[in-house]
Amino acid sequence: MKRVRLGHVLRLRKEIVHPYEKPQGTATFVGLEHIEVGTGLRIGSLDVDLARLTGRKPKFCKGDIVYGYLRPYLNKVWVAEFDGVCSVDQYVYEVDRSLADPEFIAWFMRSPDYLARARVESGPGQLPRIRLEEVAAVEVGLPDLDGQRRLLNAIREQIGLAARARRATTAQLEAAQTLPSAYLRAIFAGREGRTWPVRKVAECCQRIDYGFTASAEPYSGGARFLRITDIQEGAVDWDLVPGCDISPAAEVEKKLLDGDIVFARTGGTTGKSFLIKHPPRAVFASYLIRLRPGEELVPEYLCAFFRSDDYWRQVRFSARGGAQPNVNATSLGNIQIPVPALGDQQRVVAALNARLGQAERLLKEIDRRRTSVEALPPVLLHRVFGGWP
């Protein structure tokens, strides 16, 4: 195995399509967005009208290596399957076939050893990149062509096994992610759930109201001021919630109590509900709606319903003048909810918590397996390319 610089086996293809040359016809465009991270698989393309180009496009030919030099850690390295054009964020290399197989070089450029040997530049306001001279300077252990083909066969086989394992764990993860919704459907749309009396939310809650508009500069004293951004994955770290200036009368009116449920009125979590547990002295922002269950509702049961398909079918978002979709207190109050006896609600909550706990543990285990599977290709490529003298 000889040690050579990539510049010895790669030649930059400098053919460019320029708009000012008034090109005609169509071409297939393959940009960075069309190359899968890590694998080099092409996952898309575009047919472009050359006469309507607004910027220059490098040409590539079948068998060339098309390399995304921006954010090189994404390993977007594609061996062209046809002639076409790409973006200026990609280098196009013709491979000296008397010395190297294009696919062998492409796999090396996707390997962790390539990135370890290449000099990656970055700066303020600039994406990480590898310059032409830095690509050319990287050294690779190069067997003869027969040796490269034997290694390629092994790489294809092992990468194929890893890809099948990744698809299997992805399918398992997608199936496991449907379990919470399935559990909720079994409760609220099942045979027993259909026998429970149905009432409007407003009829069985003490209050539904909007939050408080704080002063422009929340301060460290006073009541905590809960905002949408303070609720992360259904939990609140009260130590990170700022205080606000609020009058005693307004604080009494907007004070959060244990068992209150708050809704996001707008934004990326519109319509989602969050159960407040053991809050400190706190009020809530105007972009939240607070719902306080009455005595005939267990708060955890109500929150479970607010995660169900039936709730999301009933909730109505509105948008005016291009504003973000939002929910309001009236629409929430009109939502119909099955209201069984308190004992049945507590039983539902206990059973649901047990099932959701099982689902969460399963999701974590599948995610752990998927992480292990995704680590296989770099390990394999390191075994192939990391052992040259």
Protein backbone atom coordinates (compact mmCIF):
# COMPACT_ATOMS: atom_id res chain seq x y z
CA MET A 1 0.00 0.00 0.00
CA LYS A 2 1.51 3.32 -1.04
CA ARG A 3 0.88 6.64 0.60
CA VAL A 4 -0.21 9.42 -1.79
CA ARG A 5 -1.73 12.88 -1.63
CA LEU A 6 -5.27 13.26 -2.96
CA GLY A 7 -3.95 15.88 -5.33
CA HIS A 8 -2.02 13.06 -7.01
CA VAL A 9 -5.21 11.17 -7.98
CA LEU A 10 -7.79 13.98 -8.22
CA ARG A 11 -8.00 16.68 -10.87
CA LEU A 12 -10.37 19.59 -10.35
CA ARG A 13 -12.84 19.83 -13.20
CA LYS A 14 -13.03 23.52 -14.10
CA GLU A 15 -15.87 23.45 -16.61
CA ILE A 16 -18.44 26.06 -15.62
CA VAL A 17 -21.82 27.04 -17.06
CA HIS A 18 -21.97 30.87 -17.02
CA PRO A 19 -25.24 32.76 -17.53
CA TYR A 20 -23.49 35.42 -19.63
CA GLU A 21 -22.60 32.75 -22.19
CA LYS A 22 -26.37 32.38 -22.81
CA PRO A 23 -26.47 28.57 -22.51
CA GLN A 24 -29.44 26.68 -23.93
CA GLY A 25 -31.20 23.43 -23.08
CA THR A 26 -31.70 21.71 -19.74
CA ALA A 27 -29.41 20.02 -17.25
CA THR A 28 -29.82 17.97 -14.09
CA PHE A 29 -28.79 19.88 -10.98
CA VAL A 30 -27.53 18.06 -7.89
CA GLY A 31 -26.85 20.35 -4.94
CA LEU A 32 -25.81 19.80 -1.34
CA GLU A 33 -29.45 19.31 -0.36
CA HIS A 34 -29.69 16.35 -2.74
CA ILE A 35 -26.91 14.30 -1.10
CA GLU A 36 -27.59 12.25 2.02
CA VAL A 37 -25.38 12.94 5.02
CA GLY A 38 -22.63 10.36 5.51
CA THR A 39 -23.67 7.84 2.85
CA GLY A 40 -23.15 9.71 -0.42
CA LEU A 41 -26.55 8.58 -1.67
CA ARG A 42 -28.34 10.96 -3.99
CA ILE A 43 -31.79 11.68 -2.56
CA GLY A 44 -33.00 14.14 -5.18
CA SER A 45 -32.18 16.42 -8.12
CA LEU A 46 -33.67 19.24 -10.20
CA ASP A 47 -34.08 19.77 -13.91
CA VAL A 48 -32.92 23.32 -14.65
CA ASP A 49 -33.42 25.51 -17.71
CA LEU A 50 -29.91 26.70 -18.53
CA ALA A 51 -31.23 29.79 -20.30
CA ARG A 52 -32.72 30.99 -16.98
CA LEU A 53 -29.66 30.53 -14.78
CA THR A 54 -28.86 33.48 -12.53
CA GLY A 55 -25.52 32.19 -11.27
CA ARG A 56 -22.65 30.04 -12.47
CA LYS A 57 -22.85 26.27 -12.07
CA PRO A 58 -19.91 23.82 -12.14
CA LYS A 59 -20.29 20.89 -14.54
CA PHE A 60 -19.76 17.27 -13.55
CA CYS A 61 -19.50 14.09 -15.63
CA LYS A 62 -20.50 10.55 -14.84
CA GLY A 63 -17.92 9.01 -12.50
CA ASP A 64 -16.70 12.34 -11.10
CA ILE A 65 -16.59 12.96 -7.35
CA VAL A 66 -18.88 15.83 -6.36
CA TYR A 67 -17.74 17.03 -2.95
CA GLY A 68 -19.54 19.43 -0.61
CA TYR A 69 -16.71 21.44 0.91
CA LEU A 70 -18.98 23.55 3.14
CA ARG A 71 -19.58 21.92 6.53
CA PRO A 72 -17.39 18.99 5.50
CA TYR A 73 -18.33 17.02 8.63
CA LEU A 74 -21.63 16.24 6.85
CA ASN A 75 -19.65 13.99 4.46
CA LYS A 76 -21.70 14.93 1.39
CA VAL A 77 -19.52 13.11 -1.15
CA TRP A 78 -21.26 11.75 -4.25
CA VAL A 79 -19.95 9.75 -7.18
CA ALA A 80 -21.89 11.15 -10.14
CA GLU A 81 -24.24 8.71 -11.84
CA PHE A 82 -24.74 10.97 -14.90
CA ASP A 83 -23.60 14.27 -16.39
CA GLY A 84 -25.02 17.46 -14.88
CA VAL A 85 -24.35 20.62 -12.89
CA CYS A 86 -23.96 21.35 -9.19
CA SER A 87 -23.66 24.35 -6.84
CA VAL A 88 -20.63 26.53 -6.27
CA ASP A 89 -20.49 25.05 -2.74
CA GLN A 90 -19.26 21.78 -4.29
CA TYR A 91 -15.94 20.80 -5.86
CA VAL A 92 -15.98 18.50 -8.89
CA TYR A 93 -13.07 16.08 -9.20
CA GLU A 94 -12.09 13.81 -12.05
CA VAL A 95 -10.32 10.71 -10.72
CA ASP A 96 -7.20 9.23 -12.32
CA ARG A 97 -8.61 5.76 -12.97
CA SER A 98 -5.17 4.28 -13.58
CA LEU A 99 -4.46 4.87 -9.89
CA ALA A 100 -7.75 4.88 -8.02
CA ASP A 101 -11.36 3.82 -8.13
CA PRO A 102 -13.66 6.88 -7.67
CA GLU A 103 -15.83 5.03 -5.19
CA PHE A 104 -12.82 4.04 -3.08
CA ILE A 105 -11.67 7.68 -2.90
CA ALA A 106 -15.23 8.83 -2.14
CA TRP A 107 -15.49 6.44 0.80
CA PHE A 108 -12.17 7.70 2.10
CA MET A 109 -13.45 11.29 1.90
CA ARG A 110 -16.51 10.23 3.95
CA SER A 111 -14.36 8.61 6.62
CA PRO A 112 -13.38 10.15 9.98
CA ASP A 113 -9.73 9.68 9.00
CA TYR A 114 -10.10 12.08 6.07
CA LEU A 115 -11.55 14.78 8.31
CA ALA A 116 -8.85 14.14 10.91
CA ARG A 117 -6.15 14.76 8.29
CA ALA A 118 -7.81 17.65 6.46
CA ARG A 119 -7.52 21.24 7.63
CA VAL A 120 -10.98 22.69 8.17
CA GLU A 121 -11.23 26.49 8.20
CA SER A 122 -13.86 28.49 10.02
CA GLY A 123 -14.25 32.04 11.20
CA PRO A 124 -16.79 34.55 12.51
CA GLY A 125 -19.86 34.49 10.29
CA GLN A 126 -18.33 31.81 8.06
CA LEU A 127 -19.35 28.17 7.71
CA PRO A 128 -16.60 25.58 8.21
CA ARG A 129 -14.98 24.70 4.86
CA ILE A 130 -12.06 22.90 3.25
CA ARG A 131 -10.04 24.71 0.59
CA LEU A 132 -8.87 23.12 -2.65
CA GLU A 133 -5.23 23.03 -1.57
CA GLU A 134 -6.21 21.43 1.72
CA VAL A 135 -8.12 18.65 -0.04
CA ALA A 136 -5.15 18.06 -2.32
CA ALA A 137 -2.75 17.84 0.64
CA VAL A 138 -4.60 15.05 2.47
CA GLU A 139 -2.77 11.74 2.28
CA VAL A 140 -4.44 8.38 1.73
CA GLY A 141 -3.15 4.84 1.87
CA LEU A 142 -3.74 3.54 -1.65
CA PRO A 143 -3.63 -0.20 -2.45
CA ASP A 144 -3.42 -1.32 -6.06
CA LEU A 145 -6.69 -1.33 -8.03
CA ASP A 146 -7.44 -4.98 -7.23
CA GLY A 147 -6.89 -4.28 -3.54
CA GLN A 148 -9.18 -1.24 -3.71
CA ARG A 149 -11.93 -3.32 -5.31
CA ARG A 150 -11.64 -6.00 -2.62
CA LEU A 151 -11.94 -3.36 0.08
CA LEU A 152 -14.87 -1.77 -1.77
CA ASN A 153 -16.73 -5.09 -1.79
CA ALA A 154 -16.24 -5.37 1.97
CA ILE A 155 -17.31 -1.75 2.51
CA ARG A 156 -20.46 -2.20 0.40
CA GLU A 157 -21.43 -5.34 2.28
CA GLN A 158 -20.89 -3.89 5.75
CA ILE A 159 -22.43 -0.49 4.93
CA GLY A 160 -25.42 -2.33 3.45
CA LEU A 161 -25.87 -4.31 6.68
CA ALA A 162 -25.63 -1.12 8.72
CA ALA A 163 -28.17 0.60 6.45
CA ARG A 164 -30.64 -2.27 6.88
CA ALA A 165 -30.16 -2.14 10.65
CA ARG A 166 -30.71 1.62 10.61
CA ARG A 167 -33.93 1.24 8.62
CA ALA A 168 -35.13 -1.42 11.05
CA THR A 169 -34.46 0.71 14.14
CA THR A 170 -36.05 3.74 12.45
CA ALA A 171 -39.19 1.71 11.76
CA GLN A 172 -39.21 0.49 15.37
CA LEU A 173 -38.82 4.03 16.63
CA GLU A 174 -41.66 5.30 14.43
CA ALA A 175 -43.89 2.48 15.66
CA ALA A 176 -43.01 3.16 19.30
CA GLN A 177 -43.76 6.86 18.86
CA THR A 178 -47.36 6.00 17.97
CA LEU A 179 -47.93 4.14 21.26
CA PRO A 180 -48.97 7.17 23.38
CA SER A 181 -51.62 8.15 20.83
CA ALA A 182 -52.82 4.55 20.64
CA TYR A 183 -53.16 4.35 24.42
CA LEU A 184 -55.13 7.60 24.50
CA ARG A 185 -57.44 6.40 21.70
CA ALA A 186 -58.06 3.18 23.58
CA ILE A 187 -59.20 5.21 26.59
CA PHE A 188 -61.22 8.04 25.08
CA ALA A 189 -62.50 6.35 21.91
CA GLY A 190 -62.83 2.85 23.37
CA ARG A 191 -65.99 1.03 24.40
CA GLU A 192 -65.94 2.30 28.01
CA GLY A 193 -65.02 5.86 27.05
CA ARG A 194 -68.00 6.09 24.72
CA THR A 195 -70.35 5.43 27.66
CA TRP A 196 -69.10 8.34 29.78
CA PRO A 197 -71.22 11.50 29.96
CA VAL A 198 -69.93 14.37 27.83
CA ARG A 199 -69.76 17.99 28.95
CA LYS A 200 -68.20 21.20 27.73
CA VAL A 201 -64.91 22.14 29.36
CA ALA A 202 -66.35 25.49 30.47
CA GLU A 203 -69.14 23.69 32.36
CA CYS A 204 -66.78 21.72 34.58
CA CYS A 205 -63.98 24.20 35.20
CA GLN A 206 -63.77 26.98 37.77
CA ARG A 207 -62.18 29.45 35.40
CA ILE A 208 -60.62 29.92 31.97
CA ASP A 209 -58.69 33.15 31.59
CA TYR A 210 -55.83 34.90 29.86
CA GLY A 211 -52.54 35.81 31.45
CA PHE A 212 -50.95 39.06 32.53
CA THR A 213 -49.02 41.56 30.39
CA ALA A 214 -45.87 42.33 32.36
CA SER A 215 -43.71 45.43 32.26
CA ALA A 216 -41.23 45.56 29.40
CA GLU A 217 -38.31 44.67 31.70
CA PRO A 218 -39.06 41.74 34.04
CA TYR A 219 -37.01 42.05 37.22
CA SER A 220 -35.65 39.60 39.76
CA GLY A 221 -38.11 40.40 42.54
CA GLY A 222 -41.86 39.94 42.81
CA ALA A 223 -43.89 37.03 41.51
CA ARG A 224 -42.42 34.64 38.94
CA PHE A 225 -43.66 35.43 35.44
CA LEU A 226 -44.33 32.22 33.49
CA ARG A 227 -43.95 32.55 29.69
CA ILE A 228 -44.32 30.07 26.84
CA THR A 229 -40.53 29.91 26.50
CA ASP A 230 -40.20 28.81 30.15
CA ILE A 231 -42.07 25.57 29.44
CA GLN A 232 -39.67 23.01 27.99
CA GLU A 233 -40.94 19.52 27.14
CA GLY A 234 -43.83 19.93 29.56
CA ALA A 235 -41.68 20.94 32.53
CA VAL A 236 -40.77 24.26 34.15
CA ASP A 237 -37.50 25.11 35.89
CA TRP A 238 -38.84 27.80 38.18
CA ASP A 239 -35.32 28.96 39.08
CA LEU A 240 -34.97 30.19 35.50
CA VAL A 241 -38.34 31.97 35.36
CA PRO A 242 -37.92 35.75 35.83
CA GLY A 243 -39.89 37.90 38.21
CA CYS A 244 -42.16 40.76 37.21
CA ASP A 245 -43.70 43.92 38.61
CA ILE A 246 -47.37 43.28 39.37
CA SER A 247 -49.91 44.88 41.69
CA PRO A 248 -51.25 42.83 44.65
CA ALA A 249 -54.75 42.79 43.15
CA ALA A 250 -53.52 41.59 39.75
CA GLU A 251 -51.35 38.96 41.40
CA VAL A 252 -54.35 37.54 43.25
CA GLU A 253 -56.27 37.42 39.96
CA LYS A 254 -53.48 35.77 37.92
CA LYS A 255 -51.78 33.62 40.56
CA LEU A 256 -51.04 30.05 39.48
CA LEU A 257 -52.17 27.23 41.77
CA ASP A 258 -51.22 23.57 41.95
CA GLY A 259 -53.36 21.67 39.41
CA ASP A 260 -53.89 24.62 37.07
CA ILE A 261 -53.47 23.83 33.36
CA VAL A 262 -51.95 26.39 30.99
CA PHE A 263 -52.26 26.42 27.21
CA ALA A 264 -50.01 28.00 24.62
CA ARG A 265 -52.21 30.46 22.74
CA THR A 266 -49.83 30.91 19.82
CA GLY A 267 -46.38 30.01 18.51
CA GLY A 268 -44.86 26.63 17.74
CA THR A 269 -46.69 24.91 20.62
CA THR A 270 -50.16 26.38 19.91
CA GLY A 271 -52.89 24.36 21.59
CA LYS A 272 -50.57 22.31 23.80
CA SER A 273 -51.37 22.07 27.50
CA PHE A 274 -49.09 21.89 30.53
CA LEU A 275 -49.99 20.88 34.08
CA ILE A 276 -48.71 23.18 36.83
CA LYS A 277 -47.37 21.30 39.84
CA HIS A 278 -46.35 22.91 43.13
CA PRO A 279 -45.60 26.37 41.70
CA PRO A 280 -43.87 29.08 43.72
CA ARG A 281 -45.42 32.51 43.90
CA ALA A 282 -46.12 32.92 40.18
CA VAL A 283 -48.38 34.49 37.57
CA PHE A 284 -48.63 33.74 33.85
CA ALA A 285 -48.10 35.68 30.64
CA SER A 286 -50.77 36.92 28.25
CA TYR A 287 -49.75 34.40 25.58
CA LEU A 288 -50.95 31.62 27.88
CA ILE A 289 -54.48 30.59 28.83
CA ARG A 290 -55.06 29.21 32.31
CA LEU A 291 -57.72 26.60 32.97
CA ARG A 292 -58.60 25.63 36.56
CA PRO A 293 -60.49 22.31 36.77
CA GLY A 294 -63.57 22.05 38.94
CA GLU A 295 -64.06 19.51 41.73
CA GLU A 296 -65.45 16.90 39.35
CA LEU A 297 -62.26 16.74 37.27
CA VAL A 298 -58.88 15.25 38.12
CA PRO A 299 -56.28 17.63 36.58
CA GLU A 300 -54.10 14.78 35.29
CA TYR A 301 -57.14 13.21 33.61
CA LEU A 302 -57.97 16.52 31.92
CA CYS A 303 -54.37 16.87 30.72
CA ALA A 304 -54.51 13.34 29.31
CA PHE A 305 -57.60 14.26 27.31
CA PHE A 306 -55.84 17.36 26.02
CA ARG A 307 -53.25 15.06 24.44
CA SER A 308 -55.84 12.91 22.68
CA ASP A 309 -56.86 12.85 19.03
CA ASP A 310 -60.39 13.85 20.07
CA TYR A 311 -59.09 17.10 21.60
CA TRP A 312 -57.01 17.97 18.55
CA ARG A 313 -59.99 17.31 16.27
CA GLN A 314 -62.08 19.76 18.26
CA VAL A 315 -59.57 22.51 18.88
CA ARG A 316 -59.78 25.30 16.34
CA PHE A 317 -56.88 27.50 15.34
CA SER A 318 -57.50 30.93 13.87
CA ALA A 319 -55.17 33.31 12.05
CA ARG A 320 -55.78 36.86 10.90
CA GLY A 321 -53.72 39.06 8.65
CA GLY A 322 -50.90 36.55 8.34
CA ALA A 323 -50.55 36.19 12.12
CA GLN A 324 -49.59 32.89 13.70
CA PRO A 325 -52.44 30.43 14.40
CA ASN A 326 -53.86 30.83 17.90
CA VAL A 327 -56.44 29.40 20.25
CA ASN A 328 -58.69 31.37 22.58
CA ALA A 329 -60.53 30.85 25.85
CA THR A 330 -63.92 30.56 24.13
CA SER A 331 -62.84 27.77 21.79
CA LEU A 332 -61.25 25.87 24.67
CA GLY A 333 -64.36 26.29 26.78
CA ASN A 334 -66.55 24.83 24.03
CA ILE A 335 -64.51 21.64 23.68
CA GLN A 336 -66.51 18.59 24.74
CA ILE A 337 -64.89 16.12 27.10
CA PRO A 338 -66.04 12.76 28.54
CA VAL A 339 -66.42 13.10 32.31
CA PRO A 340 -66.55 9.78 34.17
CA ALA A 341 -66.69 9.48 37.96
CA LEU A 342 -63.63 10.67 39.89
CA GLY A 343 -62.65 7.10 40.71
CA ASP A 344 -62.69 6.18 37.01
CA GLN A 345 -60.60 9.25 36.19
CA GLN A 346 -58.01 8.28 38.78
CA ARG A 347 -57.95 4.72 37.43
CA VAL A 348 -57.47 6.02 33.88
CA VAL A 349 -54.59 8.27 35.00
CA ALA A 350 -52.83 5.42 36.83
CA ALA A 351 -53.17 3.01 33.89
CA LEU A 352 -52.10 5.66 31.40
CA ASN A 353 -49.05 6.68 33.43
CA ALA A 354 -47.94 3.03 33.61
CA ARG A 355 -48.33 2.55 29.86
CA LEU A 356 -46.69 5.85 28.98
CA GLY A 357 -43.79 4.97 31.27
CA GLN A 358 -43.34 1.70 29.40
CA ALA A 359 -43.50 3.52 26.07
CA GLU A 360 -40.89 6.07 27.21
CA ARG A 361 -38.51 3.30 28.32
CA LEU A 362 -39.00 1.53 25.01
CA LEU A 363 -38.32 4.73 23.08
CA LYS A 364 -35.10 5.30 25.01
CA GLU A 365 -33.93 1.76 24.34
CA ILE A 366 -34.68 1.95 20.62
CA ASP A 367 -33.01 5.34 20.42
CA ARG A 368 -29.93 3.89 22.14
CA ARG A 369 -29.86 1.07 19.59
CA ARG A 370 -30.26 3.50 16.71
CA THR A 371 -27.36 5.60 18.02
CA SER A 372 -25.20 2.47 18.14
CA VAL A 373 -26.20 1.52 14.58
CA GLU A 374 -25.46 5.01 13.26
CA ALA A 375 -21.96 4.78 14.76
CA LEU A 376 -21.14 1.65 12.74
CA PRO A 377 -20.21 3.21 9.34
CA PRO A 378 -17.54 5.57 10.78
CA VAL A 379 -16.06 2.69 12.77
CA LEU A 380 -15.98 0.50 9.67
CA LEU A 381 -14.39 3.21 7.55
CA HIS A 382 -11.78 3.87 10.23
CA ARG A 383 -10.82 0.19 10.14
CA VAL A 384 -10.34 0.44 6.36
CA PHE A 385 -8.60 3.81 6.11
CA GLY A 386 -7.01 4.32 9.50
CA GLY A 387 -4.40 1.59 9.35
CA TRP A 388 -2.00 2.75 6.64
CA PRO A 389 1.57 3.32 7.78
